[in-house]
Amino acid sequence: MRALLLPVGNDLYAVDMLVAREVVAAPEIQPLPTSPGTVVGVFNLRGEIVPVFDTSMLLGLGRGDGSVPFVCVVHTPLGPAALVMSAIGMAAELDEPVGATETPGTVATYAVDDALVVLIDLDALLTPARIDG
């Protein structure tokens, strides 16, 4: 499977390239004061308002550092959504899984070069229960 690698802190996660729409550098995010902690805010992507999610919080890893150097815009049934990345992502081929993962919202662990990459299940990650914390 072709995937986009998403650096989140010191870890690497991935989304299927079929749902990855684009990567945006330093989006101009407008905060939403009453939103859950997993929602960083929204930004305007060529006239389309896109919610931005703290990927680290959605994965249960705690709050990110607050910076948003990059986001990966993904297709969801409810429209586009953006996941915060701590660095620029890159494309990679995920072959056979090398192990399971216990992180909610993820599918399996893969080896890419000398790193381990955890595949994200967007349907499980972007549920109302996970977004609301």
N, C-alpha and C. Protein backbone atom coordinates (compact mmCIF):
# COMPACT_ATOMS: atom_id res chain seq x y z
N MET A 1 0.85 -1.18 0.00
CA MET A 1 0.00 0.00 0.00
C MET A 1 0.89 1.24 0.00
N ARG A 2 0.54 2.19 -0.81
CA ARG A 2 1.25 3.47 -0.85
C ARG A 2 0.68 4.32 0.27
N ALA A 3 1.54 4.94 1.08
CA ALA A 3 1.09 5.71 2.24
C ALA A 3 1.89 6.99 2.36
N LEU A 4 1.29 7.95 3.07
CA LEU A 4 1.98 9.18 3.42
C LEU A 4 2.40 9.07 4.88
N LEU A 5 3.69 9.22 5.14
CA LEU A 5 4.21 9.15 6.50
C LEU A 5 4.00 10.49 7.19
N LEU A 6 3.47 10.43 8.41
CA LEU A 6 3.19 11.64 9.19
C LEU A 6 4.06 11.64 10.44
N PRO A 7 5.08 12.48 10.50
CA PRO A 7 5.85 12.59 11.74
C PRO A 7 4.99 13.25 12.83
N VAL A 8 4.90 12.59 13.97
CA VAL A 8 4.18 13.12 15.13
C VAL A 8 5.15 13.01 16.30
N GLY A 9 5.74 14.13 16.67
CA GLY A 9 6.81 14.09 17.68
C GLY A 9 7.96 13.28 17.12
N ASN A 10 8.41 12.29 17.90
CA ASN A 10 9.53 11.44 17.46
C ASN A 10 9.05 10.17 16.77
N ASP A 11 7.74 10.02 16.61
CA ASP A 11 7.18 8.81 16.03
C ASP A 11 6.71 9.05 14.60
N LEU A 12 6.54 7.94 13.86
CA LEU A 12 6.03 8.02 12.50
C LEU A 12 4.71 7.26 12.41
N TYR A 13 3.73 7.93 11.86
CA TYR A 13 2.43 7.33 11.59
C TYR A 13 2.21 7.45 10.08
N ALA A 14 1.18 6.80 9.58
CA ALA A 14 0.92 6.84 8.14
C ALA A 14 -0.57 6.81 7.87
N VAL A 15 -0.95 7.42 6.74
CA VAL A 15 -2.31 7.30 6.23
C VAL A 15 -2.21 6.79 4.80
N ASP A 16 -3.20 6.02 4.41
CA ASP A 16 -3.26 5.51 3.05
C ASP A 16 -3.25 6.68 2.08
N MET A 17 -2.46 6.58 1.04
CA MET A 17 -2.35 7.66 0.06
C MET A 17 -3.69 7.94 -0.63
N LEU A 18 -4.59 6.96 -0.62
CA LEU A 18 -5.90 7.16 -1.24
C LEU A 18 -6.75 8.18 -0.48
N VAL A 19 -6.49 8.39 0.82
CA VAL A 19 -7.25 9.37 1.60
C VAL A 19 -6.47 10.66 1.83
N ALA A 20 -5.16 10.63 1.57
CA ALA A 20 -4.34 11.83 1.74
C ALA A 20 -4.58 12.77 0.58
N ARG A 21 -5.04 13.97 0.87
CA ARG A 21 -5.35 14.94 -0.19
C ARG A 21 -4.15 15.83 -0.51
N GLU A 22 -3.55 16.40 0.53
CA GLU A 22 -2.38 17.25 0.34
C GLU A 22 -1.75 17.60 1.67
N VAL A 23 -0.52 18.09 1.61
CA VAL A 23 0.19 18.58 2.79
C VAL A 23 0.28 20.08 2.66
N VAL A 24 -0.03 20.78 3.75
CA VAL A 24 0.01 22.25 3.77
C VAL A 24 1.03 22.68 4.82
N ALA A 25 1.95 23.55 4.42
CA ALA A 25 2.96 24.08 5.34
C ALA A 25 2.42 25.31 6.05
N ALA A 26 2.62 25.37 7.35
CA ALA A 26 2.29 26.52 8.20
C ALA A 26 0.93 27.15 7.87
N PRO A 27 -0.15 26.38 7.99
CA PRO A 27 -1.46 26.96 7.70
C PRO A 27 -1.81 28.06 8.71
N GLU A 28 -2.56 29.03 8.26
CA GLU A 28 -2.99 30.12 9.15
C GLU A 28 -4.25 29.66 9.88
N ILE A 29 -4.06 29.18 11.07
CA ILE A 29 -5.15 28.56 11.84
C ILE A 29 -5.87 29.58 12.70
N GLN A 30 -7.19 29.51 12.65
CA GLN A 30 -8.05 30.32 13.51
C GLN A 30 -8.53 29.43 14.65
N PRO A 31 -8.23 29.77 15.89
CA PRO A 31 -8.67 28.92 17.01
C PRO A 31 -10.18 28.98 17.19
N LEU A 32 -10.72 27.93 17.76
CA LEU A 32 -12.13 27.85 18.11
C LEU A 32 -12.20 27.70 19.62
N PRO A 33 -12.48 28.79 20.34
CA PRO A 33 -12.37 28.81 21.80
C PRO A 33 -13.19 27.74 22.53
N THR A 34 -14.33 27.34 22.00
CA THR A 34 -15.16 26.37 22.72
C THR A 34 -15.01 24.95 22.20
N SER A 35 -14.03 24.71 21.35
CA SER A 35 -13.85 23.38 20.77
C SER A 35 -13.15 22.45 21.75
N PRO A 36 -13.29 21.13 21.54
CA PRO A 36 -12.56 20.16 22.36
C PRO A 36 -11.06 20.35 22.21
N GLY A 37 -10.29 19.82 23.14
CA GLY A 37 -8.83 19.95 23.10
C GLY A 37 -8.17 19.32 21.90
N THR A 38 -8.84 18.36 21.29
CA THR A 38 -8.26 17.70 20.10
C THR A 38 -8.35 18.58 18.86
N VAL A 39 -9.17 19.63 18.91
CA VAL A 39 -9.35 20.52 17.77
C VAL A 39 -8.46 21.75 17.95
N VAL A 40 -7.48 21.90 17.08
CA VAL A 40 -6.57 23.04 17.15
C VAL A 40 -7.25 24.30 16.64
N GLY A 41 -8.10 24.16 15.64
CA GLY A 41 -8.81 25.28 15.04
C GLY A 41 -9.23 24.92 13.63
N VAL A 42 -9.39 25.94 12.80
CA VAL A 42 -9.75 25.74 11.39
C VAL A 42 -8.86 26.63 10.53
N PHE A 43 -8.75 26.27 9.25
CA PHE A 43 -8.06 27.15 8.31
C PHE A 43 -8.78 27.10 6.97
N ASN A 44 -8.53 28.14 6.18
CA ASN A 44 -9.16 28.28 4.88
C ASN A 44 -8.23 27.71 3.83
N LEU A 45 -8.70 26.67 3.14
CA LEU A 45 -7.92 26.05 2.09
C LEU A 45 -8.62 26.31 0.76
N ARG A 46 -8.21 27.39 0.10
CA ARG A 46 -8.81 27.79 -1.18
C ARG A 46 -10.34 27.86 -1.10
N GLY A 47 -10.83 28.53 -0.06
CA GLY A 47 -12.27 28.74 0.09
C GLY A 47 -12.99 27.65 0.86
N GLU A 48 -12.32 26.62 1.25
CA GLU A 48 -12.92 25.52 2.00
C GLU A 48 -12.41 25.57 3.44
N ILE A 49 -13.32 25.58 4.41
CA ILE A 49 -12.93 25.62 5.82
C ILE A 49 -12.62 24.20 6.27
N VAL A 50 -11.38 24.00 6.79
CA VAL A 50 -10.90 22.67 7.16
C VAL A 50 -10.58 22.65 8.66
N PRO A 51 -11.18 21.72 9.42
CA PRO A 51 -10.82 21.59 10.83
C PRO A 51 -9.43 20.96 10.97
N VAL A 52 -8.69 21.43 11.97
CA VAL A 52 -7.33 20.94 12.22
C VAL A 52 -7.33 20.21 13.56
N PHE A 53 -6.85 18.96 13.54
CA PHE A 53 -6.85 18.13 14.74
C PHE A 53 -5.44 17.90 15.25
N ASP A 54 -5.29 17.88 16.58
CA ASP A 54 -4.03 17.56 17.23
C ASP A 54 -3.87 16.04 17.13
N THR A 55 -3.06 15.59 16.20
CA THR A 55 -2.88 14.16 15.94
C THR A 55 -2.40 13.43 17.18
N SER A 56 -1.50 14.04 17.90
CA SER A 56 -0.96 13.43 19.11
C SER A 56 -2.07 13.16 20.14
N MET A 57 -2.95 14.12 20.34
CA MET A 57 -4.06 13.93 21.30
C MET A 57 -5.04 12.87 20.81
N LEU A 58 -5.36 12.88 19.52
CA LEU A 58 -6.28 11.87 18.99
C LEU A 58 -5.74 10.46 19.19
N LEU A 59 -4.42 10.31 19.12
CA LEU A 59 -3.79 9.01 19.29
C LEU A 59 -3.59 8.64 20.76
N GLY A 60 -3.97 9.54 21.67
CA GLY A 60 -3.82 9.26 23.09
C GLY A 60 -2.41 9.45 23.61
N LEU A 61 -1.61 10.25 22.91
CA LEU A 61 -0.21 10.46 23.29
C LEU A 61 0.01 11.74 24.07
N GLY A 62 -1.06 12.44 24.42
CA GLY A 62 -0.95 13.71 25.11
C GLY A 62 -0.97 14.86 24.12
N ARG A 63 -1.05 16.06 24.65
CA ARG A 63 -1.13 17.26 23.81
C ARG A 63 0.19 17.49 23.09
N GLY A 64 0.08 17.87 21.81
CA GLY A 64 1.27 18.23 21.04
C GLY A 64 1.89 19.50 21.61
N ASP A 65 2.98 19.94 21.04
CA ASP A 65 3.68 21.12 21.56
C ASP A 65 3.02 22.44 21.18
N GLY A 66 1.92 22.38 20.44
CA GLY A 66 1.20 23.61 20.08
C GLY A 66 1.60 24.19 18.74
N SER A 67 2.74 23.76 18.22
CA SER A 67 3.15 24.28 16.91
C SER A 67 2.46 23.47 15.82
N VAL A 68 2.26 24.13 14.67
CA VAL A 68 1.63 23.46 13.53
C VAL A 68 2.47 23.77 12.29
N PRO A 69 3.65 23.13 12.18
CA PRO A 69 4.49 23.41 11.01
C PRO A 69 3.90 22.87 9.71
N PHE A 70 3.18 21.74 9.81
CA PHE A 70 2.57 21.11 8.64
C PHE A 70 1.28 20.42 9.05
N VAL A 71 0.35 20.32 8.11
CA VAL A 71 -0.83 19.49 8.29
C VAL A 71 -1.00 18.62 7.06
N CYS A 72 -1.58 17.46 7.28
CA CYS A 72 -1.97 16.57 6.18
C CYS A 72 -3.48 16.65 6.08
N VAL A 73 -3.96 17.12 4.94
CA VAL A 73 -5.40 17.20 4.71
C VAL A 73 -5.84 15.85 4.15
N VAL A 74 -6.83 15.25 4.81
CA VAL A 74 -7.33 13.94 4.41
C VAL A 74 -8.80 14.02 4.04
N HIS A 75 -9.23 13.10 3.19
CA HIS A 75 -10.64 12.96 2.84
C HIS A 75 -11.33 12.15 3.93
N THR A 76 -12.50 12.61 4.40
CA THR A 76 -13.33 11.85 5.33
C THR A 76 -14.75 11.88 4.78
N PRO A 77 -15.62 11.00 5.28
CA PRO A 77 -17.02 11.03 4.83
C PRO A 77 -17.71 12.37 5.10
N LEU A 78 -17.24 13.12 6.10
CA LEU A 78 -17.85 14.40 6.44
C LEU A 78 -17.14 15.59 5.79
N GLY A 79 -16.16 15.33 4.95
CA GLY A 79 -15.42 16.41 4.31
C GLY A 79 -13.95 16.37 4.71
N PRO A 80 -13.19 17.38 4.30
CA PRO A 80 -11.76 17.37 4.61
C PRO A 80 -11.49 17.61 6.08
N ALA A 81 -10.39 17.04 6.55
CA ALA A 81 -9.91 17.25 7.90
C ALA A 81 -8.39 17.30 7.82
N ALA A 82 -7.76 18.02 8.74
CA ALA A 82 -6.30 18.15 8.73
C ALA A 82 -5.72 17.58 10.01
N LEU A 83 -4.65 16.81 9.86
CA LEU A 83 -3.93 16.22 10.98
C LEU A 83 -2.58 16.94 11.12
N VAL A 84 -2.28 17.40 12.33
CA VAL A 84 -1.02 18.11 12.57
C VAL A 84 0.15 17.14 12.46
N MET A 85 1.20 17.58 11.77
CA MET A 85 2.45 16.84 11.64
C MET A 85 3.57 17.71 12.20
N SER A 86 4.54 17.10 12.86
CA SER A 86 5.63 17.87 13.43
C SER A 86 6.74 18.17 12.42
N ALA A 87 6.70 17.52 11.27
CA ALA A 87 7.68 17.77 10.20
C ALA A 87 7.02 17.37 8.88
N ILE A 88 7.68 17.64 7.79
CA ILE A 88 7.13 17.30 6.49
C ILE A 88 7.04 15.78 6.35
N GLY A 89 5.96 15.32 5.76
CA GLY A 89 5.79 13.89 5.53
C GLY A 89 6.42 13.47 4.22
N MET A 90 6.45 12.16 4.01
CA MET A 90 6.96 11.66 2.74
C MET A 90 6.18 10.41 2.36
N ALA A 91 6.19 10.10 1.10
CA ALA A 91 5.51 8.91 0.61
C ALA A 91 6.38 7.68 0.84
N ALA A 92 5.72 6.56 1.12
CA ALA A 92 6.44 5.30 1.31
C ALA A 92 5.52 4.14 0.94
N GLU A 93 6.13 3.03 0.65
CA GLU A 93 5.39 1.82 0.37
C GLU A 93 5.35 0.97 1.64
N LEU A 94 4.15 0.61 2.09
CA LEU A 94 4.01 -0.26 3.26
C LEU A 94 3.74 -1.67 2.74
N ASP A 95 4.63 -2.60 3.07
CA ASP A 95 4.47 -3.98 2.63
C ASP A 95 3.66 -4.75 3.66
N GLU A 96 4.16 -5.83 4.13
CA GLU A 96 3.46 -6.64 5.13
C GLU A 96 3.71 -6.05 6.52
N PRO A 97 2.68 -6.06 7.40
CA PRO A 97 2.88 -5.57 8.77
C PRO A 97 3.93 -6.41 9.50
N VAL A 98 4.68 -5.77 10.38
CA VAL A 98 5.67 -6.49 11.19
C VAL A 98 5.16 -6.71 12.60
N GLY A 99 4.02 -6.11 12.93
CA GLY A 99 3.47 -6.30 14.26
C GLY A 99 2.15 -5.60 14.43
N ALA A 100 1.54 -5.91 15.55
CA ALA A 100 0.27 -5.28 15.90
C ALA A 100 0.54 -3.95 16.59
N THR A 101 -0.50 -3.22 16.84
CA THR A 101 -0.39 -1.97 17.59
C THR A 101 -1.51 -1.92 18.61
N GLU A 102 -1.22 -1.35 19.75
CA GLU A 102 -2.23 -1.22 20.80
C GLU A 102 -2.79 0.19 20.87
N THR A 103 -2.31 1.07 20.03
CA THR A 103 -2.78 2.45 20.02
C THR A 103 -4.16 2.52 19.39
N PRO A 104 -5.16 3.00 20.12
CA PRO A 104 -6.50 3.13 19.52
C PRO A 104 -6.45 4.04 18.29
N GLY A 105 -7.22 3.67 17.27
CA GLY A 105 -7.24 4.46 16.04
C GLY A 105 -6.17 4.08 15.06
N THR A 106 -5.46 2.97 15.34
CA THR A 106 -4.42 2.51 14.43
C THR A 106 -4.66 1.05 14.04
N VAL A 107 -3.99 0.62 12.99
CA VAL A 107 -4.23 -0.71 12.42
C VAL A 107 -3.09 -1.69 12.70
N ALA A 108 -1.88 -1.33 12.29
CA ALA A 108 -0.74 -2.24 12.39
C ALA A 108 0.56 -1.45 12.31
N THR A 109 1.67 -2.13 12.59
CA THR A 109 3.00 -1.53 12.53
C THR A 109 3.74 -2.09 11.33
N TYR A 110 4.45 -1.21 10.63
CA TYR A 110 5.20 -1.58 9.43
C TYR A 110 6.64 -1.11 9.57
N ALA A 111 7.54 -1.79 8.89
CA ALA A 111 8.94 -1.36 8.83
C ALA A 111 9.16 -0.61 7.52
N VAL A 112 9.70 0.60 7.63
CA VAL A 112 10.05 1.40 6.47
C VAL A 112 11.49 1.84 6.67
N ASP A 113 12.36 1.35 5.81
CA ASP A 113 13.80 1.57 5.98
C ASP A 113 14.19 1.10 7.37
N ASP A 114 14.73 1.98 8.21
CA ASP A 114 15.13 1.56 9.56
C ASP A 114 14.18 2.09 10.64
N ALA A 115 12.96 2.45 10.24
CA ALA A 115 11.99 3.01 11.18
C ALA A 115 10.73 2.15 11.24
N LEU A 116 10.03 2.26 12.36
CA LEU A 116 8.72 1.63 12.50
C LEU A 116 7.65 2.68 12.27
N VAL A 117 6.63 2.31 11.50
CA VAL A 117 5.55 3.22 11.13
C VAL A 117 4.23 2.57 11.52
N VAL A 118 3.35 3.34 12.15
CA VAL A 118 2.05 2.83 12.58
C VAL A 118 0.98 3.41 11.65
N LEU A 119 0.19 2.52 11.05
CA LEU A 119 -0.85 2.93 10.11
C LEU A 119 -2.09 3.39 10.87
N ILE A 120 -2.59 4.58 10.53
CA ILE A 120 -3.78 5.17 11.16
C ILE A 120 -5.03 4.69 10.44
N ASP A 121 -6.06 4.38 11.22
CA ASP A 121 -7.39 4.08 10.70
C ASP A 121 -8.22 5.34 10.91
N LEU A 122 -8.40 6.14 9.86
CA LEU A 122 -9.09 7.43 9.99
C LEU A 122 -10.52 7.29 10.50
N ASP A 123 -11.22 6.23 10.08
CA ASP A 123 -12.60 6.04 10.55
C ASP A 123 -12.64 5.85 12.06
N ALA A 124 -11.65 5.16 12.62
CA ALA A 124 -11.60 4.94 14.07
C ALA A 124 -11.03 6.15 14.79
N LEU A 125 -10.11 6.86 14.15
CA LEU A 125 -9.45 8.00 14.81
C LEU A 125 -10.35 9.23 14.90
N LEU A 126 -11.16 9.47 13.86
CA LEU A 126 -11.97 10.69 13.81
C LEU A 126 -13.42 10.43 14.17
N THR A 127 -13.64 9.67 15.22
CA THR A 127 -15.00 9.46 15.71
C THR A 127 -15.36 10.58 16.68
N PRO A 128 -16.64 10.89 16.84
CA PRO A 128 -17.03 11.93 17.80
C PRO A 128 -16.51 11.67 19.21
N ALA A 129 -16.48 10.42 19.64
CA ALA A 129 -15.99 10.10 21.00
C ALA A 129 -14.52 10.46 21.15
N ARG A 130 -13.70 10.18 20.14
CA ARG A 130 -12.26 10.49 20.23
C ARG A 130 -12.04 12.00 20.11
N ILE A 131 -12.81 12.66 19.24
CA ILE A 131 -12.64 14.10 19.05
C ILE A 131 -13.03 14.86 20.32
N ASP A 132 -14.10 14.43 20.97
CA ASP A 132 -14.55 15.09 22.19
C ASP A 132 -13.66 14.79 23.39
N GLY A 133 -12.76 13.84 23.24
CA GLY A 133 -11.82 13.52 24.30
C GLY A 133 -12.40 12.59 25.28
